[in-house]
Amino acid sequence: MKSSAFALAAALAAAAPALAQETDPPPPPAHDMSHMSPAEMGGEHQGMSTMSTRDASGTSWQPDASRHEGLHSALGPWMVMTHATLNLVYDTQSGPRGDDRSFVSGMVMTMATRQVGDAGKLQLRAMLSPDPLMGKRGYPLLLASGETADGVKPLIDRQHPHDLFMELSARYDRPVGPGGAFVYIGMPGEPAFGPPAFMHRLSILDSPEAPISHHWLDSTHITFGVITAGYILGDWKLEASRFKGREPDQHRWNFDSPKLDSTAIRLSWNPTYELSLQTSWAHQHSPEQLEPQDNQDRWSASAIYTRRVGDFGYWSTTAAWGRRTATHGPHLDAFALESALKPNADWTIFARAERTQNDELTTLGGHRGPIYSVAKLSVGAIRDFALSEHLAFGIGGLYSLNHVPDGLEAGYGGGDPHGAMAFVRLKLQ
């Protein structure tokens, strides 16, 4: 079952180029700088991050071929981009460890950028989420684990809600030598670890379902206290962060107290217009509230390939690996392969296959259980209808099949459990 799940997702990724080939647009015209890297723009912007398609969540990179949705406007010296996605989801997960639940999710983000002095650039970013309306226990999601619902019990087979404040950050860029340097400060913000957060990856952002690999790859995307410094040279970027290692607590409406007790380092490279690579390492001090004595070391590597399709579409695929190791604990690995094809402005088809090594699925009394390798395949689609030039209403659904080994089958009702989501969406684009 595990191998077949990955085979199905790989088949979608393999089929997408053939579909994309028929409607691929010609290269952008010479005056369109949206396809150019910061170094290619030359002049005072050389080596600096611009308000371009390369920038993703936090300070992470994605392929230059990526599309940024949202409203773009000028407000005096500021260039402003606003984007919003709101989902209303009905979720059903099978078996004795499953549940049914309706919930809202999404985000509202505003980013403002302006020149400072002769060569500097300042960027301010704010991102809010309706997730706290779910309640502390979040929504049912088989094989997911991480964080706590009430400060007493860990969340197992459920996805936690994200905080109201997902990001409040400032960034300053300036040319230095042949490239450019930057400083990023967030409260909360995202340190230099992992690929872009899952709700920002074109390969899966249309799915309202969080990945079960979240706490291996990108759970640090909401960190209450982070400072990152980096240097960009052409298509390369090296950056390092000091940040708060503790995951957000169960109080989702407020700010957690800041602390800079953990470290992350990330190397990113965009070798071509359509490809973005990264590898990163982090040492997290006391990340779990219920296990304050344990630190974690994390490693990550990912590749994102994005190809534009027609005037409005794209095909995007992400392959990612993550490893986490707690103090005196074993190595726990996670793999994710996800792909989305948007052939036109109306339809998006997406799929994700994951495999994780998890020792939390039988946690009792605060003690971790044996390690189990589990897998998940999700396939879905959404149809958007334009309500106006910048507002779309979407109707979508997805189906998930989970694979559990023999030692877990009884707890999940025997066999491989499944899940499904039906959802509607409003999107500012």
Protein backbone atom coordinates (compact mmCIF):
# COMPACT_ATOMS: atom_id res chain seq x y z
CA MET A 1 0.00 0.00 0.00
CA LYS A 2 2.80 2.37 0.90
CA SER A 3 4.62 1.86 -2.38
CA SER A 4 1.39 2.15 -4.39
CA ALA A 5 0.59 5.49 -2.73
CA PHE A 6 3.88 6.93 -3.86
CA ALA A 7 3.42 5.38 -7.31
CA LEU A 8 0.08 7.16 -7.77
CA ALA A 9 1.52 10.54 -6.76
CA ALA A 10 4.53 9.97 -8.98
CA ALA A 11 2.20 9.16 -11.86
CA LEU A 12 0.48 12.53 -11.48
CA ALA A 13 3.86 14.27 -11.45
CA ALA A 14 4.96 12.34 -14.53
CA ALA A 15 1.75 13.05 -16.47
CA ALA A 16 1.68 16.78 -15.79
CA PRO A 17 4.53 17.79 -18.15
CA ALA A 18 2.71 16.29 -21.12
CA LEU A 19 -0.41 18.29 -20.29
CA ALA A 20 1.64 21.40 -19.65
CA GLN A 21 3.50 21.05 -22.96
CA GLU A 22 0.36 21.77 -24.98
CA THR A 23 -0.30 25.15 -23.38
CA ASP A 24 3.11 26.40 -22.31
CA PRO A 25 3.45 30.13 -23.00
CA PRO A 26 6.46 31.65 -24.71
CA PRO A 27 9.19 33.10 -22.47
CA PRO A 28 8.19 36.39 -20.81
CA PRO A 29 8.91 39.47 -22.93
CA ALA A 30 12.10 41.40 -22.30
CA HIS A 31 10.33 44.18 -20.38
CA ASP A 32 8.68 41.74 -17.95
CA MET A 33 11.08 41.42 -14.99
CA SER A 34 8.89 38.95 -13.06
CA HIS A 35 10.91 36.06 -14.51
CA MET A 36 14.31 37.52 -13.65
CA SER A 37 16.48 36.71 -10.66
CA PRO A 38 17.58 39.56 -8.38
CA ALA A 39 21.12 39.41 -9.77
CA GLU A 40 19.85 39.59 -13.35
CA MET A 41 18.03 42.85 -12.64
CA GLY A 42 21.41 44.51 -12.14
CA GLY A 43 22.03 48.04 -10.89
CA GLU A 44 21.25 48.88 -7.29
CA HIS A 45 19.08 45.79 -6.92
CA GLN A 46 21.84 43.31 -7.75
CA GLY A 47 22.07 40.56 -5.14
CA MET A 48 19.01 41.82 -3.29
CA SER A 49 15.71 40.08 -2.74
CA THR A 50 12.99 41.93 -4.64
CA MET A 51 9.21 41.82 -4.48
CA SER A 52 9.49 38.97 -6.99
CA THR A 53 8.12 35.50 -7.52
CA ARG A 54 11.26 34.01 -5.98
CA ASP A 55 10.27 35.01 -2.44
CA ALA A 56 8.06 32.58 -0.51
CA SER A 57 7.18 32.28 3.19
CA GLY A 58 9.57 33.86 5.68
CA THR A 59 12.88 34.19 3.84
CA SER A 60 12.54 30.94 1.87
CA TRP A 61 12.83 30.68 -1.91
CA GLN A 62 10.69 29.04 -4.54
CA PRO A 63 11.29 28.82 -8.32
CA ASP A 64 11.31 32.09 -10.25
CA ALA A 65 8.57 30.58 -12.45
CA SER A 66 6.13 30.68 -9.50
CA ARG A 67 3.06 32.89 -9.60
CA HIS A 68 2.15 35.35 -6.84
CA GLU A 69 -1.59 35.92 -6.49
CA GLY A 70 -3.08 38.95 -4.81
CA LEU A 71 -3.85 42.62 -5.31
CA HIS A 72 -0.87 44.80 -6.18
CA SER A 73 -1.04 48.56 -5.66
CA ALA A 74 1.06 51.63 -4.90
CA LEU A 75 0.59 53.67 -1.73
CA GLY A 76 2.95 56.63 -1.89
CA PRO A 77 6.48 55.17 -1.87
CA TRP A 78 5.18 51.73 -0.86
CA MET A 79 4.41 48.83 -3.19
CA VAL A 80 1.64 46.82 -1.50
CA MET A 81 0.46 43.26 -2.12
CA THR A 82 -2.62 41.81 -0.37
CA HIS A 83 -3.72 38.19 -0.57
CA ALA A 84 -6.48 36.26 1.22
CA THR A 85 -7.77 32.68 1.24
CA LEU A 86 -10.65 31.52 3.44
CA ASN A 87 -11.82 27.88 3.52
CA LEU A 88 -14.96 26.34 5.02
CA VAL A 89 -14.25 22.61 5.32
CA TYR A 90 -16.22 19.50 6.25
CA ASP A 91 -13.77 16.81 7.38
CA THR A 92 -14.48 13.11 8.00
CA GLN A 93 -11.88 10.58 9.17
CA SER A 94 -12.79 6.89 9.50
CA GLY A 95 -12.33 4.37 12.30
CA PRO A 96 -12.31 4.59 16.10
CA ARG A 97 -9.53 7.18 16.05
CA GLY A 98 -11.26 9.32 13.44
CA ASP A 99 -13.92 11.99 13.81
CA ASP A 100 -16.16 14.35 11.81
CA ARG A 101 -15.75 18.11 12.02
CA SER A 102 -16.47 21.33 10.18
CA PHE A 103 -13.90 24.09 10.47
CA VAL A 104 -12.56 27.28 8.90
CA SER A 105 -8.97 27.83 7.82
CA GLY A 106 -6.93 30.11 5.63
CA MET A 107 -4.97 33.34 5.88
CA VAL A 108 -4.99 37.05 5.13
CA MET A 109 -1.62 38.57 4.23
CA THR A 110 -0.39 42.06 3.40
CA MET A 111 3.16 42.88 2.31
CA ALA A 112 4.50 46.41 1.78
CA THR A 113 7.89 47.25 0.25
CA ARG A 114 9.70 50.53 -0.29
CA GLN A 115 13.14 51.87 -1.10
CA VAL A 116 15.15 53.28 1.83
CA GLY A 117 17.92 55.71 0.96
CA ASP A 118 19.85 55.25 -2.25
CA ALA A 119 20.12 51.46 -2.25
CA GLY A 120 18.30 49.90 0.70
CA LYS A 121 14.90 48.24 0.70
CA LEU A 122 12.44 47.75 3.56
CA GLN A 123 9.72 45.12 3.57
CA LEU A 124 6.93 44.80 6.17
CA ARG A 125 4.70 41.74 6.25
CA ALA A 126 1.61 40.81 8.29
CA MET A 127 -0.29 37.52 8.08
CA LEU A 128 -3.36 36.50 10.11
CA SER A 129 -5.28 33.22 10.27
CA PRO A 130 -8.87 32.30 11.25
CA ASP A 131 -7.63 28.91 12.53
CA PRO A 132 -8.23 29.70 16.25
CA LEU A 133 -11.97 29.60 15.49
CA MET A 134 -11.57 25.80 15.23
CA GLY A 135 -11.05 25.57 18.98
CA LYS A 136 -7.97 24.25 20.73
CA ARG A 137 -8.29 20.67 19.43
CA GLY A 138 -8.08 21.66 15.78
CA TYR A 139 -9.48 19.18 13.27
CA PRO A 140 -9.27 15.37 12.87
CA LEU A 141 -6.37 14.21 10.69
CA LEU A 142 -5.30 10.57 10.96
CA LEU A 143 -1.57 9.92 11.52
CA ALA A 144 -0.85 13.56 12.42
CA SER A 145 0.84 14.44 15.72
CA GLY A 146 2.60 17.36 17.38
CA GLU A 147 1.94 20.14 19.90
CA THR A 148 -0.81 20.07 22.54
CA ALA A 149 -4.48 20.97 22.73
CA ASP A 150 -4.74 21.91 26.39
CA GLY A 151 -1.20 21.97 27.78
CA VAL A 152 -1.75 18.51 29.31
CA LYS A 153 -2.30 16.01 26.50
CA PRO A 154 -0.53 15.74 23.13
CA LEU A 155 -2.52 16.03 19.91
CA ILE A 156 -2.61 12.68 18.09
CA ASP A 157 -4.62 12.03 14.91
CA ARG A 158 -5.49 15.71 14.88
CA GLN A 159 -4.00 18.83 13.29
CA HIS A 160 -3.55 21.77 15.63
CA PRO A 161 -4.91 25.19 14.67
CA HIS A 162 -2.37 27.84 13.75
CA ASP A 163 -2.14 31.05 15.74
CA LEU A 164 -4.12 34.17 14.87
CA PHE A 165 -0.83 35.97 14.25
CA MET A 166 1.09 33.84 11.77
CA GLU A 167 3.65 36.51 10.88
CA LEU A 168 4.49 40.09 11.80
CA SER A 169 7.90 40.80 10.34
CA ALA A 170 10.28 43.39 8.96
CA ARG A 171 13.16 42.89 6.53
CA TYR A 172 15.91 45.20 5.34
CA ASP A 173 18.03 44.49 2.22
CA ARG A 174 21.13 46.31 1.03
CA PRO A 175 23.78 45.63 -1.65
CA VAL A 176 27.09 44.48 -0.17
CA GLY A 177 30.01 43.71 -2.46
CA PRO A 178 29.02 41.63 -5.48
CA GLY A 179 25.77 40.54 -3.84
CA GLY A 180 23.37 41.70 -1.18
CA ALA A 181 22.82 41.23 2.56
CA PHE A 182 19.57 41.23 4.51
CA VAL A 183 18.25 41.13 8.06
CA TYR A 184 14.81 39.72 8.88
CA ILE A 185 13.04 40.08 12.26
CA GLY A 186 9.74 38.37 13.08
CA MET A 187 7.41 38.28 16.08
CA PRO A 188 6.16 35.85 14.97
CA GLY A 189 8.22 34.91 11.96
CA GLU A 190 9.85 31.98 10.20
CA PRO A 191 13.49 30.93 10.73
CA ALA A 192 15.79 29.71 7.97
CA PHE A 193 14.74 26.07 8.00
CA GLY A 194 13.00 23.80 5.51
CA PRO A 195 11.09 24.50 2.31
CA PRO A 196 8.39 27.19 2.18
CA ALA A 197 5.53 26.45 4.57
CA PHE A 198 2.93 24.10 3.06
CA MET A 199 0.22 26.78 2.69
CA HIS A 200 2.62 28.77 0.51
CA ARG A 201 3.83 25.95 -1.77
CA LEU A 202 2.19 26.03 -5.21
CA SER A 203 2.43 22.23 -5.25
CA ILE A 204 -0.19 21.86 -2.50
CA LEU A 205 -1.53 25.26 -1.33
CA ASP A 206 -5.00 24.53 -2.80
CA SER A 207 -5.46 21.63 -0.35
CA PRO A 208 -6.95 22.56 3.06
CA GLU A 209 -5.36 19.44 4.57
CA ALA A 210 -2.11 19.84 6.52
CA PRO A 211 0.66 17.31 5.78
CA ILE A 212 1.44 14.65 8.39
CA SER A 213 5.11 15.56 7.73
CA HIS A 214 4.45 19.10 9.02
CA HIS A 215 6.50 18.63 12.21
CA TRP A 216 9.49 17.38 10.24
CA LEU A 217 9.55 19.93 7.42
CA ASP A 218 7.95 23.27 8.26
CA SER A 219 6.32 23.50 11.70
CA THR A 220 8.73 26.33 12.61
CA HIS A 221 6.88 28.68 10.21
CA ILE A 222 5.22 30.36 13.21
CA THR A 223 7.99 31.20 15.69
CA PHE A 224 7.56 33.81 18.41
CA GLY A 225 10.93 35.46 18.10
CA VAL A 226 13.31 35.11 15.15
CA ILE A 227 16.24 37.07 13.73
CA THR A 228 17.74 35.97 10.40
CA ALA A 229 20.77 37.38 8.59
CA GLY A 230 21.70 36.29 5.09
CA TYR A 231 23.75 36.98 1.99
CA ILE A 232 22.55 36.57 -1.61
CA LEU A 233 25.02 36.12 -4.45
CA GLY A 234 23.27 35.65 -7.79
CA ASP A 235 21.20 32.48 -7.51
CA TRP A 236 22.71 31.41 -4.16
CA LYS A 237 21.65 32.38 -0.67
CA LEU A 238 23.19 31.50 2.70
CA GLU A 239 21.32 32.49 5.85
CA ALA A 240 21.34 31.81 9.58
CA SER A 241 18.70 32.37 12.28
CA ARG A 242 18.45 32.63 16.02
CA PHE A 243 14.91 31.85 17.10
CA LYS A 244 12.65 30.53 19.84
CA GLY A 245 12.70 26.74 19.74
CA ARG A 246 9.44 26.15 21.64
CA GLU A 247 6.42 25.49 19.44
CA PRO A 248 3.46 27.86 19.99
CA ASP A 249 1.39 26.97 23.04
CA GLN A 250 -2.30 26.05 23.15
CA HIS A 251 -3.41 29.70 23.48
CA ARG A 252 -3.85 30.59 19.81
CA TRP A 253 -5.16 34.15 20.11
CA ASN A 254 -2.20 35.82 21.83
CA PHE A 255 1.56 36.31 21.55
CA ASP A 256 3.96 33.91 23.25
CA SER A 257 6.95 35.42 25.05
CA PRO A 258 9.96 35.75 22.70
CA LYS A 259 13.30 34.01 23.25
CA LEU A 260 16.33 33.42 21.01
CA ASP A 261 17.62 30.03 22.19
CA SER A 262 17.82 28.00 18.97
CA THR A 263 19.78 28.10 15.70
CA ALA A 264 19.05 27.35 12.04
CA ILE A 265 21.20 27.49 8.89
CA ARG A 266 19.93 27.18 5.31
CA LEU A 267 21.60 27.13 1.90
CA SER A 268 19.34 27.83 -1.08
CA TRP A 269 20.07 27.66 -4.81
CA ASN A 270 17.87 28.47 -7.81
CA PRO A 271 19.95 26.99 -10.65
CA THR A 272 17.26 27.57 -13.29
CA TYR A 273 14.09 29.61 -13.79
CA GLU A 274 11.95 26.57 -12.88
CA LEU A 275 13.92 24.91 -10.05
CA SER A 276 14.61 25.79 -6.40
CA LEU A 277 16.76 23.70 -4.04
CA GLN A 278 17.49 24.03 -0.33
CA THR A 279 19.17 22.15 2.47
CA SER A 280 18.98 23.22 6.10
CA TRP A 281 19.79 22.29 9.69
CA ALA A 282 18.34 23.46 12.99
CA HIS A 283 18.90 22.89 16.68
CA GLN A 284 15.66 23.51 18.57
CA HIS A 285 15.79 24.08 22.29
CA SER A 286 12.88 22.41 24.13
CA PRO A 287 10.42 22.47 21.19
CA GLU A 288 7.62 20.47 22.85
CA GLN A 289 5.77 21.94 25.82
CA LEU A 290 5.05 18.49 27.26
CA GLU A 291 8.69 17.35 26.96
CA PRO A 292 10.64 20.44 28.05
CA GLN A 293 13.77 18.42 28.83
CA ASP A 294 14.25 17.32 25.22
CA ASN A 295 15.96 19.32 22.51
CA GLN A 296 15.79 18.43 18.82
CA ASP A 297 18.18 18.49 15.91
CA ARG A 298 16.50 18.77 12.52
CA TRP A 299 17.69 18.36 8.95
CA SER A 300 15.84 19.11 5.74
CA ALA A 301 16.39 19.00 1.99
CA SER A 302 13.91 19.82 -0.76
CA ALA A 303 13.53 20.45 -4.47
CA ILE A 304 10.69 22.45 -6.03
CA TYR A 305 10.04 22.41 -9.78
CA THR A 306 7.48 24.84 -11.18
CA ARG A 307 6.51 25.35 -14.79
CA ARG A 308 4.06 27.94 -16.06
CA VAL A 309 1.08 26.74 -18.10
CA GLY A 310 -0.82 29.12 -20.36
CA ASP A 311 -1.72 32.60 -19.16
CA PHE A 312 -2.96 31.63 -15.70
CA GLY A 313 -1.81 28.10 -14.88
CA TYR A 314 1.18 26.16 -13.65
CA TRP A 315 2.48 22.72 -12.83
CA SER A 316 4.44 22.54 -9.57
CA THR A 317 6.03 19.59 -7.76
CA THR A 318 7.86 19.45 -4.42
CA ALA A 319 9.99 16.57 -3.13
CA ALA A 320 11.15 16.97 0.47
CA TRP A 321 12.92 15.03 3.20
CA GLY A 322 13.10 15.88 6.88
CA ARG A 323 14.77 14.29 9.90
CA ARG A 324 14.35 15.08 13.57
CA THR A 325 16.32 13.63 16.47
CA ALA A 326 15.36 14.33 20.09
CA THR A 327 17.87 14.28 22.94
CA HIS A 328 19.00 10.65 23.36
CA GLY A 329 16.35 9.66 20.83
CA PRO A 330 16.36 7.85 17.48
CA HIS A 331 16.44 9.44 14.02
CA LEU A 332 12.89 9.89 12.70
CA ASP A 333 12.59 10.54 8.95
CA ALA A 334 9.77 11.90 6.82
CA PHE A 335 9.37 12.06 3.05
CA ALA A 336 6.83 14.06 1.06
CA LEU A 337 6.06 14.22 -2.65
CA GLU A 338 3.35 16.63 -3.76
CA SER A 339 2.22 17.96 -7.12
CA ALA A 340 -0.43 20.34 -8.44
CA LEU A 341 -1.54 21.02 -12.00
CA LYS A 342 -3.51 24.17 -12.79
CA PRO A 343 -4.20 23.95 -16.54
CA ASN A 344 -6.29 27.14 -16.60
CA ALA A 345 -7.84 29.75 -14.33
CA ASP A 346 -10.73 27.46 -13.32
CA TRP A 347 -9.34 24.07 -12.27
CA THR A 348 -6.57 22.81 -9.98
CA ILE A 349 -5.77 19.12 -9.42
CA PHE A 350 -3.43 18.20 -6.55
CA ALA A 351 -1.95 15.14 -4.85
CA ARG A 352 0.42 14.39 -1.99
CA ALA A 353 2.13 11.19 -0.84
CA GLU A 354 3.94 11.03 2.52
CA ARG A 355 5.80 8.58 4.69
CA THR A 356 6.81 9.30 8.28
CA GLN A 357 8.52 7.44 11.12
CA ASN A 358 6.49 8.36 14.18
CA ASP A 359 6.86 7.41 17.85
CA GLU A 360 3.91 9.52 19.09
CA LEU A 361 0.96 7.56 17.70
CA THR A 362 0.70 5.36 20.82
CA THR A 363 1.89 7.97 23.34
CA LEU A 364 0.50 7.19 26.82
CA GLY A 365 1.12 9.10 30.04
CA GLY A 366 3.58 11.43 28.34
CA HIS A 367 5.87 8.57 27.25
CA ARG A 368 6.55 7.93 23.60
CA GLY A 369 5.78 4.53 22.17
CA PRO A 370 7.48 2.37 19.55
CA ILE A 371 8.39 3.78 16.14
CA TYR A 372 5.95 3.04 13.35
CA SER A 373 6.36 3.80 9.66
CA VAL A 374 3.07 5.13 8.34
CA ALA A 375 2.07 6.53 4.94
CA LYS A 376 -0.65 8.69 3.48
CA LEU A 377 -1.91 9.50 -0.03
CA SER A 378 -4.27 12.40 -0.72
CA VAL A 379 -5.78 13.34 -4.09
CA GLY A 380 -8.14 16.26 -4.71
CA ALA A 381 -9.35 19.03 -6.99
CA ILE A 382 -10.98 22.46 -6.82
CA ARG A 383 -13.08 24.37 -9.35
CA ASP A 384 -12.95 28.17 -9.09
CA PHE A 385 -15.64 30.56 -10.32
CA ALA A 386 -14.78 34.22 -10.84
CA LEU A 387 -17.05 36.52 -8.82
CA SER A 388 -15.19 39.64 -9.93
CA GLU A 389 -11.83 40.56 -11.38
CA HIS A 390 -10.03 39.86 -8.10
CA LEU A 391 -12.37 37.54 -6.18
CA ALA A 392 -13.04 33.84 -6.83
CA PHE A 393 -15.34 31.26 -5.22
CA GLY A 394 -14.16 27.65 -5.29
CA ILE A 395 -15.74 24.24 -4.65
CA GLY A 396 -13.40 21.34 -3.96
CA GLY A 397 -12.86 17.97 -2.37
CA LEU A 398 -10.16 15.45 -1.56
CA TYR A 399 -9.82 11.81 -0.57
CA SER A 400 -7.07 10.37 1.64
CA LEU A 401 -5.93 6.79 2.11
CA ASN A 402 -3.72 6.00 5.10
CA HIS A 403 -1.42 3.00 5.51
CA VAL A 404 -0.70 1.69 9.02
CA PRO A 405 1.48 -1.34 9.89
CA ASP A 406 0.18 -4.44 11.63
CA GLY A 407 0.99 -3.13 15.10
CA LEU A 408 -1.38 -0.19 14.64
CA GLU A 409 -4.21 -1.75 12.62
CA ALA A 410 -6.29 -2.77 15.62
CA GLY A 411 -6.24 0.75 17.04
CA TYR A 412 -7.39 2.18 13.72
CA GLY A 413 -10.23 -0.29 13.30
CA GLY A 414 -8.41 -2.88 11.20
CA GLY A 415 -7.07 -2.33 7.73
CA ASP A 416 -6.08 1.03 6.31
CA PRO A 417 -8.28 3.96 7.43
CA HIS A 418 -9.32 6.73 5.08
CA GLY A 419 -10.52 10.30 5.18
CA ALA A 420 -12.21 12.91 3.01
CA MET A 421 -12.79 16.65 2.93
CA ALA A 422 -15.32 18.78 1.07
CA PHE A 423 -14.71 22.49 1.05
CA VAL A 424 -15.64 25.86 -0.37
CA ARG A 425 -13.21 28.74 -0.69
CA LEU A 426 -13.12 32.50 -1.16
CA LYS A 427 -9.87 33.76 -2.66
CA LEU A 428 -8.61 37.26 -3.28
CA GLN A 429 -6.44 37.03 -6.36
